[in-house]
């Protein structure tokens, strides 16, 4: 029994390890800057070479215990430390490592630097120190240039990469540490609409037509609903008086609902209210009799004149 339990635990551990290895295959080197003289700064305000990693999976990924290196003969050159919550990369997100040879400054500061005078090989190895996750050869770059994938995490060939200068005049020539490499800042439909309607008159007319059409439709709906409710009310009134609905003209009113009777009721109420108001102005005086009490009698408060005998 104990032996079977140990075997089951071993199989579970192997399965978890294989799943973790498959998940880490989605970790990609996404963009690299070798000479950083005016780009991003670290948490200490320093410019340094940086390496951007991208989680191409659609689930969070824990990258602690993987290895970063710039020398494939030293595969375990910089192990990503355990215990830092920031090493869990959310789905489709990026993380920056600073290649500044200052590992004591934090989790994301490597123990190696990049050489600007020659191509740099950057690789990621799994926790076993042998399984290669991703690798790229960065060509010699000028200061301020970066070597980036054209689209985040896509392609492993040299054609999937491009040198970027950070020019705002060229589409997708941005340097984006910690952000998407391909920025979709244009919409062909919007550009075409702008060319056809430069001043926006067609857009204004279209918007006003939609608004007024909606208001007209609401008005028609309310009118139809009111007509239906009116007919239902008349039908109920006629049924209450036992009238034949087939012989009743739509403009006829059932007995007891004439205008003369309503006017008579209103006049009667008016007269009743006026009479009530006049009666309230009549002053009535009635003598109020109170019960006799010796305590309120004045004869007990007068002194009697003494008589001489």
Protein backbone atom coordinates (compact mmCIF):
# COMPACT_ATOMS: atom_id res chain seq x y z
CA UNK A 1 0.00 0.00 0.00
CA UNK A 2 2.79 2.39 0.97
CA UNK A 3 4.70 1.51 -2.17
CA UNK A 4 1.70 2.27 -4.38
CA UNK A 5 1.21 5.62 -2.66
CA UNK A 6 4.84 6.59 -3.28
CA UNK A 7 4.51 5.56 -6.92
CA UNK A 8 1.36 7.69 -7.29
CA UNK A 9 3.08 10.73 -5.76
CA UNK A 10 6.03 10.26 -8.10
CA UNK A 11 3.73 10.13 -11.14
CA UNK A 12 1.92 13.28 -9.99
CA UNK A 13 5.24 15.09 -9.52
CA UNK A 14 6.41 14.05 -12.98
CA UNK A 15 3.11 15.17 -14.51
CA UNK A 16 3.28 18.58 -12.77
CA UNK A 17 6.86 19.03 -13.90
CA UNK A 18 5.98 18.21 -17.51
CA UNK A 19 3.04 20.65 -17.45
CA UNK A 20 5.26 23.36 -15.98
CA UNK A 21 7.87 22.72 -18.67
CA UNK A 22 5.25 22.95 -21.41
CA UNK A 23 3.94 26.20 -19.94
CA UNK A 24 7.42 27.72 -19.79
CA UNK A 25 7.85 27.04 -23.48
CA UNK A 26 5.65 30.09 -23.90
CA UNK A 27 8.28 32.34 -22.29
CA UNK A 28 9.93 34.36 -25.07
CA UNK A 29 12.73 36.88 -25.35
CA UNK A 30 10.84 39.76 -26.88
CA UNK A 31 13.08 42.84 -27.09
CA UNK A 32 16.66 43.72 -26.16
CA UNK A 33 18.52 47.01 -25.83
CA UNK A 34 22.30 46.77 -25.49
CA UNK A 35 23.30 50.44 -25.19
CA UNK A 36 20.71 52.32 -23.16
CA UNK A 37 21.78 55.96 -22.97
CA UNK A 38 18.40 57.71 -22.92
CA UNK A 39 15.69 55.05 -22.74
CA UNK A 40 14.10 53.36 -19.73
CA UNK A 41 15.59 53.63 -16.23
CA UNK A 42 15.52 51.08 -13.42
CA UNK A 43 14.10 51.62 -9.95
CA UNK A 44 17.32 53.40 -8.97
CA UNK A 45 17.09 55.89 -11.84
CA UNK A 46 19.98 54.35 -13.78
CA UNK A 47 20.24 53.62 -17.51
CA UNK A 48 21.32 50.07 -18.22
CA UNK A 49 20.98 47.39 -20.90
CA UNK A 50 17.68 45.55 -20.62
CA UNK A 51 16.08 42.30 -21.76
CA UNK A 52 12.30 42.06 -22.16
CA UNK A 53 10.59 38.69 -21.65
CA UNK A 54 7.05 37.99 -22.81
CA UNK A 55 4.54 35.43 -21.54
CA UNK A 56 2.88 34.26 -24.76
CA UNK A 57 0.53 31.90 -22.89
CA UNK A 58 -3.08 32.74 -22.09
CA UNK A 59 -2.48 31.93 -18.42
CA UNK A 60 -0.14 33.33 -15.74
CA UNK A 61 3.40 31.93 -15.65
CA UNK A 62 5.80 31.59 -12.72
CA UNK A 63 9.38 32.14 -13.98
CA UNK A 64 11.29 31.78 -10.71
CA UNK A 65 14.15 29.23 -10.92
CA UNK A 66 14.65 29.67 -14.67
CA UNK A 67 18.09 30.76 -15.85
CA UNK A 68 19.14 33.76 -17.94
CA UNK A 69 22.52 33.84 -19.59
CA UNK A 70 24.57 35.54 -22.28
CA UNK A 71 26.90 32.56 -22.59
CA UNK A 72 25.52 29.19 -23.68
CA UNK A 73 28.50 27.45 -22.10
CA UNK A 74 27.33 28.84 -18.73
CA UNK A 75 23.69 27.92 -18.82
CA UNK A 76 22.97 28.68 -15.16
CA UNK A 77 24.68 32.06 -15.10
CA UNK A 78 21.79 33.94 -13.51
CA UNK A 79 19.02 31.99 -11.73
CA UNK A 80 15.82 33.96 -11.24
CA UNK A 81 15.33 33.94 -7.43
CA UNK A 82 12.44 32.27 -5.66
CA UNK A 83 10.04 34.03 -3.34
CA UNK A 84 9.36 37.19 -5.35
CA UNK A 85 5.68 37.60 -6.27
CA UNK A 86 6.68 39.77 -9.26
CA UNK A 87 8.16 36.71 -11.00
CA UNK A 88 4.61 35.54 -11.76
CA UNK A 89 3.90 37.11 -15.15
CA UNK A 90 0.21 37.59 -16.03
CA UNK A 91 -1.06 36.24 -19.33
CA UNK A 92 0.20 38.04 -22.45
CA UNK A 93 2.30 40.44 -20.37
CA UNK A 94 5.96 41.53 -20.23
CA UNK A 95 8.74 41.78 -17.68
CA UNK A 96 12.09 43.63 -17.84
CA UNK A 97 15.45 42.30 -16.66
CA UNK A 98 18.36 44.75 -16.33
CA UNK A 99 21.67 43.38 -17.64
CA UNK A 100 23.80 45.52 -15.30
CA UNK A 101 25.80 42.92 -13.31
CA UNK A 102 24.15 44.08 -10.08
CA UNK A 103 22.24 41.00 -8.81
CA UNK A 104 22.20 42.41 -5.26
CA UNK A 105 19.96 45.28 -6.43
CA UNK A 106 16.95 43.00 -6.82
CA UNK A 107 15.35 40.06 -8.56
CA UNK A 108 15.36 41.69 -11.99
CA UNK A 109 19.04 42.67 -12.04
CA UNK A 110 21.19 40.01 -13.71
CA UNK A 111 24.74 38.95 -12.91
CA UNK A 112 26.02 39.76 -16.40
CA UNK A 113 26.19 42.65 -18.85
CA UNK A 114 25.92 42.91 -22.64
CA UNK A 115 28.89 43.79 -24.86
CA UNK A 116 28.07 46.61 -27.33
CA UNK A 117 31.08 45.79 -29.56
CA UNK A 118 29.95 42.33 -30.67
CA UNK A 119 26.79 40.25 -31.13
CA UNK A 120 25.26 38.98 -27.89
CA UNK A 121 23.66 35.58 -27.46
CA UNK A 122 20.87 35.63 -24.88
CA UNK A 123 19.22 32.41 -23.75
CA UNK A 124 16.67 31.17 -21.22
CA UNK A 125 17.05 27.72 -19.66
CA UNK A 126 14.52 25.84 -17.59
CA UNK A 127 14.93 24.97 -13.90
CA UNK A 128 16.94 21.83 -14.74
CA UNK A 129 19.67 24.02 -16.26
CA UNK A 130 19.65 22.02 -19.48
CA UNK A 131 16.32 22.51 -21.28
CA UNK A 132 16.49 25.49 -23.62
CA UNK A 133 13.34 27.63 -23.55
CA UNK A 134 14.35 30.43 -25.95
CA UNK A 135 17.48 31.87 -27.49
CA UNK A 136 18.31 34.86 -29.72
CA UNK A 137 21.45 36.39 -31.18
CA UNK A 138 21.37 40.16 -30.91
CA UNK A 139 23.41 41.97 -33.58
CA UNK A 140 25.64 44.95 -32.88
CA UNK A 141 23.35 47.88 -32.15
CA UNK A 142 23.92 51.61 -32.04
CA UNK A 143 23.13 53.55 -28.86
CA UNK A 144 19.38 53.90 -28.43
CA UNK A 145 18.52 51.04 -30.80
CA UNK A 146 16.71 47.87 -29.80
CA UNK A 147 16.34 44.44 -31.33
CA UNK A 148 12.68 43.35 -31.12
CA UNK A 149 10.23 40.83 -32.44
CA UNK A 150 7.88 42.33 -35.02
CA UNK A 151 4.95 40.83 -33.08
CA UNK A 152 5.04 39.80 -29.45
CA UNK A 153 6.24 36.23 -28.98
CA UNK A 154 5.80 35.24 -32.63
CA UNK A 155 8.43 33.67 -34.88
CA UNK A 156 11.80 32.17 -34.09
CA UNK A 157 13.64 32.98 -37.31
CA UNK A 158 15.73 36.06 -38.02
CA UNK A 159 12.91 37.43 -40.21
CA UNK A 160 10.65 37.70 -37.15
CA UNK A 161 13.00 40.31 -35.64
CA UNK A 162 13.82 43.90 -36.55
CA UNK A 163 16.16 46.67 -35.43
CA UNK A 164 14.22 49.61 -34.07
CA UNK A 165 15.40 53.20 -33.80
CA UNK A 166 12.54 54.68 -31.82
CA UNK A 167 11.39 56.91 -34.66
CA UNK A 168 7.87 58.33 -34.43
CA UNK A 169 7.79 58.99 -38.17
CA UNK A 170 7.93 55.32 -39.18
CA UNK A 171 5.09 52.96 -38.34
CA UNK A 172 5.91 50.34 -35.68
CA UNK A 173 9.46 51.64 -35.21
CA UNK A 174 8.81 52.27 -31.53
CA UNK A 175 10.98 51.03 -28.67
CA UNK A 176 8.57 49.61 -26.11
CA UNK A 177 10.16 48.25 -22.90
CA UNK A 178 7.39 46.50 -21.01
CA UNK A 179 4.83 47.08 -23.78
CA UNK A 180 3.53 45.54 -26.99
CA UNK A 181 5.98 45.65 -29.89
CA UNK A 182 3.29 46.14 -32.52
CA UNK A 183 1.10 49.13 -31.77
CA UNK A 184 -2.11 49.27 -33.78
CA UNK A 185 -2.57 53.03 -33.81
CA UNK A 186 -4.31 53.27 -37.20
CA UNK A 187 -7.61 51.97 -38.50
CA UNK A 188 -7.97 51.64 -42.29
CA UNK A 189 -11.73 52.23 -42.13
CA UNK A 190 -11.28 55.46 -40.20
CA UNK A 191 -8.62 56.67 -42.61
CA UNK A 192 -10.86 55.92 -45.61
CA UNK A 193 -13.84 57.66 -44.01
CA UNK A 194 -11.67 60.69 -43.23
CA UNK A 195 -10.54 60.89 -46.84
CA UNK A 196 -14.13 60.75 -48.15
CA UNK A 197 -15.58 63.13 -45.55
CA UNK A 198 -12.84 65.57 -44.66
CA UNK A 199 -15.07 68.13 -42.88
CA UNK A 200 -17.33 65.63 -41.14
CA UNK A 201 -20.62 66.76 -42.70
CA UNK A 202 -21.67 63.26 -43.68
CA UNK A 203 -20.93 61.98 -40.18
CA UNK A 204 -23.02 64.78 -38.64
CA UNK A 205 -25.97 64.19 -40.96
CA UNK A 206 -25.81 60.44 -40.37
CA UNK A 207 -25.78 60.87 -36.60
CA UNK A 208 -28.72 63.31 -36.66
CA UNK A 209 -30.70 61.02 -38.96
CA UNK A 210 -30.19 58.10 -36.58
CA UNK A 211 -31.29 60.16 -33.55
CA UNK A 212 -34.42 61.59 -35.19
CA UNK A 213 -35.35 58.23 -36.68
CA UNK A 214 -35.17 56.68 -33.22
CA UNK A 215 -37.36 59.46 -31.77
CA UNK A 216 -39.92 59.05 -34.57
CA UNK A 217 -40.03 55.31 -34.02
CA UNK A 218 -40.60 55.81 -30.28
CA UNK A 219 -43.42 58.29 -30.96
CA UNK A 220 -45.16 55.83 -33.28
CA UNK A 221 -44.83 53.07 -30.69
CA UNK A 222 -46.30 55.25 -27.93
CA UNK A 223 -49.22 56.30 -30.18
CA UNK A 224 -50.02 52.68 -31.04
CA UNK A 225 -49.88 51.67 -27.37
CA UNK A 226 -52.22 54.52 -26.36
CA UNK A 227 -54.75 53.55 -29.06
CA UNK A 228 -54.69 49.92 -27.93
CA UNK A 229 -55.22 50.91 -24.29
CA UNK A 230 -58.13 53.21 -25.23
CA UNK A 231 -59.89 50.48 -27.16
CA UNK A 232 -59.40 48.00 -24.35
CA UNK A 233 -60.86 50.48 -21.86
CA UNK A 234 -63.94 51.10 -24.03
CA UNK A 235 -64.41 47.39 -24.55
CA UNK A 236 -64.37 46.75 -20.79
CA UNK A 237 -66.87 49.56 -20.17
CA UNK A 238 -69.28 48.20 -22.77
CA UNK A 239 -68.96 44.68 -21.42
CA UNK A 240 -69.70 45.98 -17.91
CA UNK A 241 -72.97 47.54 -19.15
CA UNK A 242 -73.98 44.44 -21.11
CA UNK A 243 -73.86 46.14 -24.50
CA UNK A 244 -73.39 44.30 -27.79
CA UNK A 245 -69.90 45.03 -29.03
CA UNK A 246 -70.80 44.27 -32.66
CA UNK A 247 -73.59 46.88 -32.76
CA UNK A 248 -71.71 49.54 -30.84
CA UNK A 249 -70.27 52.40 -32.87
CA UNK A 250 -66.75 53.38 -31.85
CA UNK A 251 -67.90 56.96 -31.11
CA UNK A 252 -70.88 55.88 -28.96
CA UNK A 253 -70.71 55.99 -25.19
CA UNK A 254 -72.45 53.54 -22.87
CA UNK A 255 -75.20 54.70 -20.54
CA UNK A 256 -74.06 56.39 -17.36
CA UNK A 257 -71.06 57.97 -19.03
CA UNK A 258 -72.68 61.07 -20.57
CA UNK A 259 -71.32 64.56 -20.24
CA UNK A 260 -74.54 65.95 -18.71
CA UNK A 261 -74.42 63.55 -15.78
CA UNK A 262 -70.77 64.31 -15.13
CA UNK A 263 -71.58 68.06 -15.15
CA UNK A 264 -74.47 67.53 -12.71
CA UNK A 265 -72.24 65.61 -10.32
CA UNK A 266 -69.62 68.34 -10.47
CA UNK A 267 -72.21 71.07 -9.75
CA UNK A 268 -73.62 69.08 -6.83
CA UNK A 269 -70.18 68.74 -5.32
CA UNK A 270 -69.55 72.43 -5.84
CA UNK A 271 -72.79 73.39 -4.06
CA UNK A 272 -72.01 71.00 -1.23
CA UNK A 273 -68.60 72.47 -0.68
CA UNK A 274 -69.94 76.05 -0.78
CA UNK A 275 -72.70 75.22 1.78
CA UNK A 276 -70.12 73.71 4.07
CA UNK A 277 -68.03 76.85 3.87
CA UNK A 278 -71.03 79.10 4.72
CA UNK A 279 -72.06 76.97 7.67
CA UNK A 280 -68.61 77.14 9.09
CA UNK A 281 -68.91 80.95 9.33
CA UNK A 282 -72.04 80.87 11.61
CA UNK A 283 -71.28 81.73 15.25
CA UNK A 284 -73.38 79.83 17.78
CA UNK A 285 -73.40 80.79 21.52
CA UNK A 286 -74.71 78.28 24.05
CA UNK A 287 -74.74 78.58 27.80
CA UNK A 288 -72.31 76.19 29.38
CA UNK A 289 -73.40 74.76 32.73
CA UNK A 290 -70.74 73.65 35.09
CA UNK A 291 -71.06 71.41 38.10
CA UNK A 292 -71.24 73.28 41.45
CA UNK A 293 -68.18 73.04 43.66
CA UNK A 294 -67.85 74.67 47.14
CA UNK A 295 -64.21 75.28 46.50
CA UNK A 296 -65.11 77.86 43.84
CA UNK A 297 -67.93 79.54 45.82
CA UNK A 298 -67.28 83.10 46.93
CA UNK A 299 -69.41 82.86 50.14
CA UNK A 300 -66.68 80.85 51.76
CA UNK A 301 -64.13 83.52 51.11
CA UNK A 302 -66.08 86.39 52.86
CA UNK A 303 -65.64 87.14 56.59
CA UNK A 304 -68.85 87.35 58.69
CA UNK A 305 -69.42 90.62 60.66
CA UNK A 306 -69.51 89.85 64.39
CA UNK A 307 -72.71 90.79 66.31
CA UNK A 308 -72.76 92.25 69.82
CA UNK A 309 -74.94 90.75 72.36
